[in-house]
């Protein structure tokens, strides 16, 4: 059996996936290959390079807990001005994110990963999904997380690539094509219980992408392919933390572990029609404000 973990994007909510990974490891479920998109691509790169040991995932947790929005979207006045006046392709530079991932991963090219890693990006000109399986970790990490307008597109070979969140496929079908017979989907989720839009332009953009990612997953997780099983770890619900708010990683990791461990123990990964656990919704209770 070949097991693939598919890790979706979701901005700061990617921290949830650390708890999910810890729960899977505790249950003895290990990946043979990894497919990641955007924030999920950053987690996939780490796991590919360092494995899923308790120590490895503890280090990944520390990385998320230390991460702040300025590390991903560093404010540089000249860059902002150039972006707003049509002299740059983005409002923020992409190099800091690529450098961060490459430094933490400790590998230079994807081929060096101990578990095969495939990062999903989108061709800026055609909209086609592009799976990056070889080459520079720095470039692949930048490409899979290059939110259009916020972070610059990345040239890889002859293609210009942007965030995999807007690709036509979400990673599940890619895992099947790569030979996976068991697929476990780790969605970062959406902030389903906020009552106001995020406060910042970054927050609104990232929030919109999380909705798009969830919609793509809903289509793919119910694929019926002979000899392939698809399981899902449900996203956190209710969730009041904006996908652009990087100040709550420890809480997200803990909740991700607790809910996922209970789900696995209850046989949740074997439940049919996993898309029903991804249904887009909004909680109507008052008092939840987006902070991102």
C-alpha atoms as a PDB file:
ATOM      1  CA  UNK A   1       0.000   0.000   0.000  1.00  0.00           C
ATOM      2  CA  UNK A   2       1.279   3.452  -0.930  1.00  0.00           C
ATOM      3  CA  UNK A   3       0.013   6.186   1.389  1.00  0.00           C
ATOM      4  CA  UNK A   4      -0.104   9.814   0.301  1.00  0.00           C
ATOM      5  CA  UNK A   5      -0.738  12.799   2.538  1.00  0.00           C
ATOM      6  CA  UNK A   6      -2.379  15.741   0.751  1.00  0.00           C
ATOM      7  CA  UNK A   7      -1.937  19.001   2.655  1.00  0.00           C
ATOM      8  CA  UNK A   8      -4.025  21.942   1.470  1.00  0.00           C
ATOM      9  CA  UNK A   9      -3.303  25.637   1.760  1.00  0.00           C
ATOM     10  CA  UNK A  10      -4.841  27.997   4.269  1.00  0.00           C
ATOM     11  CA  UNK A  11      -2.436  30.731   5.332  1.00  0.00           C
ATOM     12  CA  UNK A  12      -1.810  30.786   9.074  1.00  0.00           C
ATOM     13  CA  UNK A  13      -4.304  27.934   9.500  1.00  0.00           C
ATOM     14  CA  UNK A  14      -1.600  25.663   8.127  1.00  0.00           C
ATOM     15  CA  UNK A  15      -0.578  25.308  11.777  1.00  0.00           C
ATOM     16  CA  UNK A  16      -3.582  23.000  12.232  1.00  0.00           C
ATOM     17  CA  UNK A  17      -1.853  20.456  10.019  1.00  0.00           C
ATOM     18  CA  UNK A  18       0.985  20.074  12.530  1.00  0.00           C
ATOM     19  CA  UNK A  19      -1.502  18.726  15.065  1.00  0.00           C
ATOM     20  CA  UNK A  20      -3.027  16.518  12.386  1.00  0.00           C
ATOM     21  CA  UNK A  21       0.394  15.124  11.505  1.00  0.00           C
ATOM     22  CA  UNK A  22       1.096  14.425  15.175  1.00  0.00           C
ATOM     23  CA  UNK A  23      -2.198  12.532  15.474  1.00  0.00           C
ATOM     24  CA  UNK A  24      -1.494  10.466  12.357  1.00  0.00           C
ATOM     25  CA  UNK A  25       1.989   9.596  13.583  1.00  0.00           C
ATOM     26  CA  UNK A  26       0.610   8.590  16.990  1.00  0.00           C
ATOM     27  CA  UNK A  27      -1.808   6.271  15.185  1.00  0.00           C
ATOM     28  CA  UNK A  28       1.032   4.690  13.191  1.00  0.00           C
ATOM     29  CA  UNK A  29      -0.042   6.205   9.874  1.00  0.00           C
ATOM     30  CA  UNK A  30       2.986   7.323   7.863  1.00  0.00           C
ATOM     31  CA  UNK A  31       3.229   8.872   4.371  1.00  0.00           C
ATOM     32  CA  UNK A  32       5.076   7.348   1.433  1.00  0.00           C
ATOM     33  CA  UNK A  33       4.658  10.576  -0.525  1.00  0.00           C
ATOM     34  CA  UNK A  34       3.521  14.110   0.185  1.00  0.00           C
ATOM     35  CA  UNK A  35       1.577  16.637  -1.884  1.00  0.00           C
ATOM     36  CA  UNK A  36       1.326  20.156  -0.542  1.00  0.00           C
ATOM     37  CA  UNK A  37      -0.234  23.419  -1.629  1.00  0.00           C
ATOM     38  CA  UNK A  38       0.711  26.864  -0.328  1.00  0.00           C
ATOM     39  CA  UNK A  39       0.959  26.652   3.484  1.00  0.00           C
ATOM     40  CA  UNK A  40       0.437  22.907   3.192  1.00  0.00           C
ATOM     41  CA  UNK A  41       3.380  22.836   0.825  1.00  0.00           C
ATOM     42  CA  UNK A  42       5.578  24.334   3.512  1.00  0.00           C
ATOM     43  CA  UNK A  43       4.525  21.602   5.938  1.00  0.00           C
ATOM     44  CA  UNK A  44       4.985  18.927   3.293  1.00  0.00           C
ATOM     45  CA  UNK A  45       8.510  20.147   2.580  1.00  0.00           C
ATOM     46  CA  UNK A  46       9.431  19.977   6.249  1.00  0.00           C
ATOM     47  CA  UNK A  47       8.041  16.458   6.680  1.00  0.00           C
ATOM     48  CA  UNK A  48       9.678  15.321   3.463  1.00  0.00           C
ATOM     49  CA  UNK A  49      13.036  16.557   4.697  1.00  0.00           C
ATOM     50  CA  UNK A  50      12.811  15.596   8.374  1.00  0.00           C
ATOM     51  CA  UNK A  51      10.243  12.801   8.610  1.00  0.00           C
ATOM     52  CA  UNK A  52       7.329  12.446  11.031  1.00  0.00           C
ATOM     53  CA  UNK A  53       9.101  11.599  14.272  1.00  0.00           C
ATOM     54  CA  UNK A  54       7.894  13.220  17.472  1.00  0.00           C
ATOM     55  CA  UNK A  55      11.029  15.377  17.559  1.00  0.00           C
ATOM     56  CA  UNK A  56      10.628  16.464  13.931  1.00  0.00           C
ATOM     57  CA  UNK A  57       7.008  17.521  14.375  1.00  0.00           C
ATOM     58  CA  UNK A  58       7.865  19.316  17.617  1.00  0.00           C
ATOM     59  CA  UNK A  59      10.383  21.397  15.666  1.00  0.00           C
ATOM     60  CA  UNK A  60       7.774  22.098  12.990  1.00  0.00           C
ATOM     61  CA  UNK A  61       5.377  23.212  15.726  1.00  0.00           C
ATOM     62  CA  UNK A  62       8.017  25.580  17.080  1.00  0.00           C
ATOM     63  CA  UNK A  63       8.488  27.036  13.595  1.00  0.00           C
ATOM     64  CA  UNK A  64       4.783  27.848  13.356  1.00  0.00           C
ATOM     65  CA  UNK A  65       4.626  29.229  16.886  1.00  0.00           C
ATOM     66  CA  UNK A  66       7.541  31.565  16.148  1.00  0.00           C
ATOM     67  CA  UNK A  67       6.199  32.607  12.733  1.00  0.00           C
ATOM     68  CA  UNK A  68       4.669  36.059  12.368  1.00  0.00           C
ATOM     69  CA  UNK A  69       2.951  37.758   9.475  1.00  0.00           C
ATOM     70  CA  UNK A  70       5.950  40.002   8.897  1.00  0.00           C
ATOM     71  CA  UNK A  71       8.002  36.867   8.126  1.00  0.00           C
ATOM     72  CA  UNK A  72       5.687  36.057   5.197  1.00  0.00           C
ATOM     73  CA  UNK A  73       4.594  39.561   4.231  1.00  0.00           C
ATOM     74  CA  UNK A  74       7.473  41.868   5.236  1.00  0.00           C
ATOM     75  CA  UNK A  75       6.547  45.516   4.876  1.00  0.00           C
ATOM     76  CA  UNK A  76       9.054  47.341   2.708  1.00  0.00           C
ATOM     77  CA  UNK A  77       7.764  50.800   1.761  1.00  0.00           C
ATOM     78  CA  UNK A  78       9.606  50.966  -1.559  1.00  0.00           C
ATOM     79  CA  UNK A  79       8.285  47.535  -2.579  1.00  0.00           C
ATOM     80  CA  UNK A  80       4.736  48.582  -1.677  1.00  0.00           C
ATOM     81  CA  UNK A  81       5.067  51.785  -3.663  1.00  0.00           C
ATOM     82  CA  UNK A  82       6.480  49.968  -6.687  1.00  0.00           C
ATOM     83  CA  UNK A  83       3.654  47.442  -6.546  1.00  0.00           C
ATOM     84  CA  UNK A  84       0.959  50.102  -6.292  1.00  0.00           C
ATOM     85  CA  UNK A  85       2.445  52.175  -9.129  1.00  0.00           C
ATOM     86  CA  UNK A  86       2.869  49.296 -11.569  1.00  0.00           C
ATOM     87  CA  UNK A  87       6.633  48.900 -11.221  1.00  0.00           C
ATOM     88  CA  UNK A  88       6.576  45.567  -9.389  1.00  0.00           C
ATOM     89  CA  UNK A  89       4.508  42.392  -9.756  1.00  0.00           C
ATOM     90  CA  UNK A  90       3.671  42.232  -6.050  1.00  0.00           C
ATOM     91  CA  UNK A  91       3.213  44.288  -2.914  1.00  0.00           C
ATOM     92  CA  UNK A  92       5.605  42.134  -0.893  1.00  0.00           C
ATOM     93  CA  UNK A  93       8.880  40.385  -1.761  1.00  0.00           C
ATOM     94  CA  UNK A  94       8.861  36.613  -2.098  1.00  0.00           C
ATOM     95  CA  UNK A  95      12.463  35.946  -1.146  1.00  0.00           C
ATOM     96  CA  UNK A  96      11.991  35.959   2.672  1.00  0.00           C
ATOM     97  CA  UNK A  97       9.441  33.131   2.518  1.00  0.00           C
ATOM     98  CA  UNK A  98      11.576  31.048   0.175  1.00  0.00           C
ATOM     99  CA  UNK A  99      14.646  31.611   2.332  1.00  0.00           C
ATOM    100  CA  UNK A 100      12.729  30.676   5.484  1.00  0.00           C
ATOM    101  CA  UNK A 101      11.478  27.379   4.066  1.00  0.00           C
ATOM    102  CA  UNK A 102      14.822  26.414   2.557  1.00  0.00           C
ATOM    103  CA  UNK A 103      16.684  27.236   5.755  1.00  0.00           C
ATOM    104  CA  UNK A 104      14.289  25.294   7.959  1.00  0.00           C
ATOM    105  CA  UNK A 105      14.038  22.328   5.608  1.00  0.00           C
ATOM    106  CA  UNK A 106      17.796  21.973   5.439  1.00  0.00           C
ATOM    107  CA  UNK A 107      17.759  20.676   1.865  1.00  0.00           C
ATOM    108  CA  UNK A 108      18.504  22.531  -1.337  1.00  0.00           C
ATOM    109  CA  UNK A 109      16.498  20.519  -3.874  1.00  0.00           C
ATOM    110  CA  UNK A 110      13.325  18.484  -3.534  1.00  0.00           C
ATOM    111  CA  UNK A 111      15.095  15.333  -4.655  1.00  0.00           C
ATOM    112  CA  UNK A 112      17.015  15.323  -1.353  1.00  0.00           C
ATOM    113  CA  UNK A 113      13.855  14.741   0.698  1.00  0.00           C
ATOM    114  CA  UNK A 114      13.678  11.418   2.520  1.00  0.00           C
ATOM    115  CA  UNK A 115       9.953  11.218   1.683  1.00  0.00           C
ATOM    116  CA  UNK A 116       9.076  12.312  -1.880  1.00  0.00           C
ATOM    117  CA  UNK A 117       7.571  15.813  -1.906  1.00  0.00           C
ATOM    118  CA  UNK A 118       5.435  17.342  -4.643  1.00  0.00           C
ATOM    119  CA  UNK A 119       4.365  20.982  -4.399  1.00  0.00           C
ATOM    120  CA  UNK A 120       1.355  22.235  -6.318  1.00  0.00           C
ATOM    121  CA  UNK A 121       1.496  25.551  -8.169  1.00  0.00           C
ATOM    122  CA  UNK A 122      -0.480  27.210 -10.960  1.00  0.00           C
ATOM    123  CA  UNK A 123       0.693  28.311 -14.400  1.00  0.00           C
ATOM    124  CA  UNK A 124      -0.004  32.050 -14.453  1.00  0.00           C
ATOM    125  CA  UNK A 125      -0.764  32.095 -18.184  1.00  0.00           C
ATOM    126  CA  UNK A 126      -2.872  28.944 -18.642  1.00  0.00           C
ATOM    127  CA  UNK A 127      -4.267  28.284 -15.173  1.00  0.00           C
ATOM    128  CA  UNK A 128      -3.031  24.696 -15.413  1.00  0.00           C
ATOM    129  CA  UNK A 129      -1.900  22.937 -12.266  1.00  0.00           C
ATOM    130  CA  UNK A 130       1.839  22.297 -12.096  1.00  0.00           C
ATOM    131  CA  UNK A 131       3.344  19.720  -9.757  1.00  0.00           C
ATOM    132  CA  UNK A 132       6.883  20.571  -8.680  1.00  0.00           C
ATOM    133  CA  UNK A 133       8.733  17.380  -7.753  1.00  0.00           C
ATOM    134  CA  UNK A 134      12.336  18.307  -8.493  1.00  0.00           C
ATOM    135  CA  UNK A 135      14.539  21.349  -8.353  1.00  0.00           C
ATOM    136  CA  UNK A 136      15.094  24.208  -5.949  1.00  0.00           C
ATOM    137  CA  UNK A 137      13.261  24.011  -2.622  1.00  0.00           C
ATOM    138  CA  UNK A 138      13.432  27.786  -2.378  1.00  0.00           C
ATOM    139  CA  UNK A 139      11.771  28.348  -5.765  1.00  0.00           C
ATOM    140  CA  UNK A 140       9.148  25.628  -5.270  1.00  0.00           C
ATOM    141  CA  UNK A 141       8.195  26.950  -1.831  1.00  0.00           C
ATOM    142  CA  UNK A 142       7.849  30.467  -3.206  1.00  0.00           C
ATOM    143  CA  UNK A 143       5.809  29.286  -6.194  1.00  0.00           C
ATOM    144  CA  UNK A 144       3.278  27.179  -4.309  1.00  0.00           C
ATOM    145  CA  UNK A 145       2.567  30.076  -1.917  1.00  0.00           C
ATOM    146  CA  UNK A 146       2.745  33.008  -4.357  1.00  0.00           C
ATOM    147  CA  UNK A 147      -0.620  34.658  -3.678  1.00  0.00           C
ATOM    148  CA  UNK A 148      -1.299  36.750  -6.798  1.00  0.00           C
ATOM    149  CA  UNK A 149      -0.745  40.440  -6.189  1.00  0.00           C
ATOM    150  CA  UNK A 150       0.664  39.944  -2.704  1.00  0.00           C
ATOM    151  CA  UNK A 151       3.705  37.798  -3.520  1.00  0.00           C
ATOM    152  CA  UNK A 152       5.473  37.733  -6.895  1.00  0.00           C
ATOM    153  CA  UNK A 153       5.057  34.967  -9.475  1.00  0.00           C
ATOM    154  CA  UNK A 154       8.059  32.669  -9.712  1.00  0.00           C
ATOM    155  CA  UNK A 155       9.734  31.626 -12.941  1.00  0.00           C
ATOM    156  CA  UNK A 156      10.532  27.915 -12.944  1.00  0.00           C
ATOM    157  CA  UNK A 157      11.931  26.814 -16.280  1.00  0.00           C
ATOM    158  CA  UNK A 158       9.832  28.487 -18.951  1.00  0.00           C
ATOM    159  CA  UNK A 159       6.757  28.834 -16.750  1.00  0.00           C
ATOM    160  CA  UNK A 160       5.623  31.621 -14.492  1.00  0.00           C
ATOM    161  CA  UNK A 161       3.950  30.113 -11.436  1.00  0.00           C
ATOM    162  CA  UNK A 162       1.640  31.374  -8.704  1.00  0.00           C
ATOM    163  CA  UNK A 163      -0.142  29.909  -5.685  1.00  0.00           C
ATOM    164  CA  UNK A 164      -1.420  26.359  -6.105  1.00  0.00           C
ATOM    165  CA  UNK A 165      -4.635  27.364  -4.362  1.00  0.00           C
ATOM    166  CA  UNK A 166      -6.032  28.594  -7.681  1.00  0.00           C
ATOM    167  CA  UNK A 167      -5.056  25.481  -9.633  1.00  0.00           C
ATOM    168  CA  UNK A 168      -7.758  23.429 -11.329  1.00  0.00           C
ATOM    169  CA  UNK A 169      -7.065  20.439  -9.041  1.00  0.00           C
ATOM    170  CA  UNK A 170      -6.419  20.200  -5.321  1.00  0.00           C
ATOM    171  CA  UNK A 171      -3.846  17.405  -5.062  1.00  0.00           C
ATOM    172  CA  UNK A 172      -5.995  14.307  -4.532  1.00  0.00           C
ATOM    173  CA  UNK A 173      -6.089  13.354  -8.193  1.00  0.00           C
ATOM    174  CA  UNK A 174      -2.346  14.005  -8.396  1.00  0.00           C
ATOM    175  CA  UNK A 175      -1.788  11.514  -5.585  1.00  0.00           C
ATOM    176  CA  UNK A 176      -3.766   8.911  -7.518  1.00  0.00           C
ATOM    177  CA  UNK A 177      -1.694   9.561 -10.630  1.00  0.00           C
ATOM    178  CA  UNK A 178       1.472   9.101  -8.560  1.00  0.00           C
ATOM    179  CA  UNK A 179       0.331   5.633  -7.557  1.00  0.00           C
ATOM    180  CA  UNK A 180      -1.170   6.177  -4.120  1.00  0.00           C
ATOM    181  CA  UNK A 181      -3.595   3.494  -2.979  1.00  0.00           C
ATOM    182  CA  UNK A 182      -4.428   5.283   0.271  1.00  0.00           C
ATOM    183  CA  UNK A 183      -4.845   9.047   0.479  1.00  0.00           C
ATOM    184  CA  UNK A 184      -5.217  11.065   3.665  1.00  0.00           C
ATOM    185  CA  UNK A 185      -6.328  14.673   3.183  1.00  0.00           C
ATOM    186  CA  UNK A 186      -5.265  17.282   5.735  1.00  0.00           C
ATOM    187  CA  UNK A 187      -7.272  20.473   5.086  1.00  0.00           C
ATOM    188  CA  UNK A 188      -6.202  23.657   6.829  1.00  0.00           C
ATOM    189  CA  UNK A 189      -9.842  24.744   6.883  1.00  0.00           C
ATOM    190  CA  UNK A 190     -11.596  28.103   6.844  1.00  0.00           C
ATOM    191  CA  UNK A 191     -12.507  30.539   9.659  1.00  0.00           C
ATOM    192  CA  UNK A 192     -16.196  29.606   9.657  1.00  0.00           C
ATOM    193  CA  UNK A 193     -17.211  31.542  12.772  1.00  0.00           C
ATOM    194  CA  UNK A 194     -15.914  35.064  12.155  1.00  0.00           C
ATOM    195  CA  UNK A 195     -18.604  37.740  12.044  1.00  0.00           C
ATOM    196  CA  UNK A 196     -16.713  40.524  10.267  1.00  0.00           C
ATOM    197  CA  UNK A 197     -14.362  40.534   7.287  1.00  0.00           C
ATOM    198  CA  UNK A 198     -10.660  40.456   8.138  1.00  0.00           C
ATOM    199  CA  UNK A 199      -9.327  43.926   8.889  1.00  0.00           C
ATOM    200  CA  UNK A 200      -6.507  43.975   6.357  1.00  0.00           C
ATOM    201  CA  UNK A 201      -6.219  43.580   2.598  1.00  0.00           C
ATOM    202  CA  UNK A 202      -3.895  40.632   3.239  1.00  0.00           C
ATOM    203  CA  UNK A 203      -6.516  39.033   5.466  1.00  0.00           C
ATOM    204  CA  UNK A 204      -9.294  39.397   2.900  1.00  0.00           C
ATOM    205  CA  UNK A 205      -7.126  37.979   0.099  1.00  0.00           C
ATOM    206  CA  UNK A 206      -5.973  34.975   2.111  1.00  0.00           C
ATOM    207  CA  UNK A 207      -9.487  34.324   3.418  1.00  0.00           C
ATOM    208  CA  UNK A 208     -10.846  34.262  -0.134  1.00  0.00           C
ATOM    209  CA  UNK A 209      -8.193  31.729  -1.137  1.00  0.00           C
ATOM    210  CA  UNK A 210      -9.131  29.442   1.769  1.00  0.00           C
ATOM    211  CA  UNK A 211     -12.690  29.335   0.433  1.00  0.00           C
ATOM    212  CA  UNK A 212     -11.443  28.455  -3.035  1.00  0.00           C
ATOM    213  CA  UNK A 213      -9.232  25.676  -1.668  1.00  0.00           C
ATOM    214  CA  UNK A 214     -12.131  24.172   0.270  1.00  0.00           C
ATOM    215  CA  UNK A 215     -14.314  24.205  -2.843  1.00  0.00           C
ATOM    216  CA  UNK A 216     -11.641  22.368  -4.824  1.00  0.00           C
ATOM    217  CA  UNK A 217     -11.233  19.740  -2.123  1.00  0.00           C
ATOM    218  CA  UNK A 218     -14.990  19.142  -1.949  1.00  0.00           C
ATOM    219  CA  UNK A 219     -14.892  18.135  -5.605  1.00  0.00           C
ATOM    220  CA  UNK A 220     -11.878  15.846  -5.299  1.00  0.00           C
ATOM    221  CA  UNK A 221     -12.245  13.996  -1.993  1.00  0.00           C
ATOM    222  CA  UNK A 222     -15.247  12.011  -3.232  1.00  0.00           C
ATOM    223  CA  UNK A 223     -13.420  10.610  -6.254  1.00  0.00           C
ATOM    224  CA  UNK A 224     -14.178   6.930  -6.733  1.00  0.00           C
ATOM    225  CA  UNK A 225     -11.199   5.039  -8.114  1.00  0.00           C
ATOM    226  CA  UNK A 226     -10.885   1.275  -7.879  1.00  0.00           C
ATOM    227  CA  UNK A 227      -8.201   0.265  -5.423  1.00  0.00           C
ATOM    228  CA  UNK A 228      -7.868   3.737  -3.883  1.00  0.00           C
ATOM    229  CA  UNK A 229      -9.205   4.784  -0.482  1.00  0.00           C
ATOM    230  CA  UNK A 230      -9.554   8.457   0.424  1.00  0.00           C
ATOM    231  CA  UNK A 231      -9.775   9.547   4.053  1.00  0.00           C
ATOM    232  CA  UNK A 232     -10.201  13.005   5.500  1.00  0.00           C
ATOM    233  CA  UNK A 233      -9.280  14.717   8.740  1.00  0.00           C
ATOM    234  CA  UNK A 234     -12.046  17.316   9.172  1.00  0.00           C
ATOM    235  CA  UNK A 235     -11.013  20.955   9.583  1.00  0.00           C
ATOM    236  CA  UNK A 236     -11.574  22.688  12.900  1.00  0.00           C
ATOM    237  CA  UNK A 237     -15.115  23.926  13.501  1.00  0.00           C
ATOM    238  CA  UNK A 238     -16.141  26.389  14.766  1.00  0.00           C
ATOM    239  CA  UNK A 239     -13.079  28.481  13.990  1.00  0.00           C
ATOM    240  CA  UNK A 240     -12.781  32.194  14.717  1.00  0.00           C
ATOM    241  CA  UNK A 241      -9.130  32.729  13.789  1.00  0.00           C
ATOM    242  CA  UNK A 242      -8.404  34.518  10.523  1.00  0.00           C
ATOM    243  CA  UNK A 243      -6.196  32.732   8.024  1.00  0.00           C
ATOM    244  CA  UNK A 244      -3.909  35.795   8.107  1.00  0.00           C
ATOM    245  CA  UNK A 245      -3.558  35.837  11.909  1.00  0.00           C
ATOM    246  CA  UNK A 246      -0.273  34.178  12.888  1.00  0.00           C
ATOM    247  CA  UNK A 247      -0.603  34.700  16.646  1.00  0.00           C
ATOM    248  CA  UNK A 248      -2.542  31.539  17.524  1.00  0.00           C
ATOM    249  CA  UNK A 249      -0.434  28.690  16.173  1.00  0.00           C
ATOM    250  CA  UNK A 250      -0.102  26.884  19.508  1.00  0.00           C
ATOM    251  CA  UNK A 251      -3.884  26.816  19.938  1.00  0.00           C
ATOM    252  CA  UNK A 252      -4.422  25.613  16.375  1.00  0.00           C
ATOM    253  CA  UNK A 253      -1.857  22.839  16.742  1.00  0.00           C
ATOM    254  CA  UNK A 254      -3.377  21.603  19.997  1.00  0.00           C
ATOM    255  CA  UNK A 255      -6.913  21.632  18.624  1.00  0.00           C
ATOM    256  CA  UNK A 256      -5.738  19.963  15.431  1.00  0.00           C
ATOM    257  CA  UNK A 257      -4.154  17.121  17.384  1.00  0.00           C
ATOM    258  CA  UNK A 258      -7.068  16.606  19.785  1.00  0.00           C
ATOM    259  CA  UNK A 259      -9.802  16.578  17.153  1.00  0.00           C
ATOM    260  CA  UNK A 260      -7.796  14.466  14.691  1.00  0.00           C
ATOM    261  CA  UNK A 261      -6.765  11.878  17.276  1.00  0.00           C
ATOM    262  CA  UNK A 262     -10.395  11.430  18.307  1.00  0.00           C
ATOM    263  CA  UNK A 263     -11.493  11.214  14.668  1.00  0.00           C
ATOM    264  CA  UNK A 264      -8.917   8.554  13.822  1.00  0.00           C
ATOM    265  CA  UNK A 265      -9.752   6.501  16.929  1.00  0.00           C
ATOM    266  CA  UNK A 266     -13.434   6.590  15.948  1.00  0.00           C
ATOM    267  CA  UNK A 267     -12.711   5.233  12.467  1.00  0.00           C
ATOM    268  CA  UNK A 268     -13.257   8.575  10.777  1.00  0.00           C
ATOM    269  CA  UNK A 269     -10.681   7.962   8.044  1.00  0.00           C
ATOM    270  CA  UNK A 270     -12.813   5.107   6.714  1.00  0.00           C
ATOM    271  CA  UNK A 271     -16.065   7.065   6.471  1.00  0.00           C
ATOM    272  CA  UNK A 272     -17.637   7.420   3.050  1.00  0.00           C
ATOM    273  CA  UNK A 273     -18.398  10.685   1.244  1.00  0.00           C
ATOM    274  CA  UNK A 274     -15.755  12.746   3.056  1.00  0.00           C
ATOM    275  CA  UNK A 275     -16.852  15.902   1.231  1.00  0.00           C
ATOM    276  CA  UNK A 276     -19.745  16.296   3.664  1.00  0.00           C
ATOM    277  CA  UNK A 277     -17.219  17.210   6.355  1.00  0.00           C
ATOM    278  CA  UNK A 278     -15.886  20.043   4.185  1.00  0.00           C
ATOM    279  CA  UNK A 279     -19.216  21.724   3.548  1.00  0.00           C
ATOM    280  CA  UNK A 280     -18.792  25.495   3.434  1.00  0.00           C
ATOM    281  CA  UNK A 281     -20.892  27.191   6.109  1.00  0.00           C
ATOM    282  CA  UNK A 282     -20.968  30.125   8.489  1.00  0.00           C
ATOM    283  CA  UNK A 283     -21.931  30.277  12.145  1.00  0.00           C
ATOM    284  CA  UNK A 284     -24.420  33.026  12.906  1.00  0.00           C
ATOM    285  CA  UNK A 285     -23.611  33.624  16.573  1.00  0.00           C
ATOM    286  CA  UNK A 286     -22.317  37.097  17.354  1.00  0.00           C
ATOM    287  CA  UNK A 287     -19.074  38.046  18.995  1.00  0.00           C
ATOM    288  CA  UNK A 288     -16.457  36.529  16.749  1.00  0.00           C
ATOM    289  CA  UNK A 289     -14.210  39.068  15.074  1.00  0.00           C
ATOM    290  CA  UNK A 290     -11.557  38.447  12.475  1.00  0.00           C
ATOM    291  CA  UNK A 291      -8.151  39.696  13.542  1.00  0.00           C
ATOM    292  CA  UNK A 292      -6.128  39.212  10.349  1.00  0.00           C
END
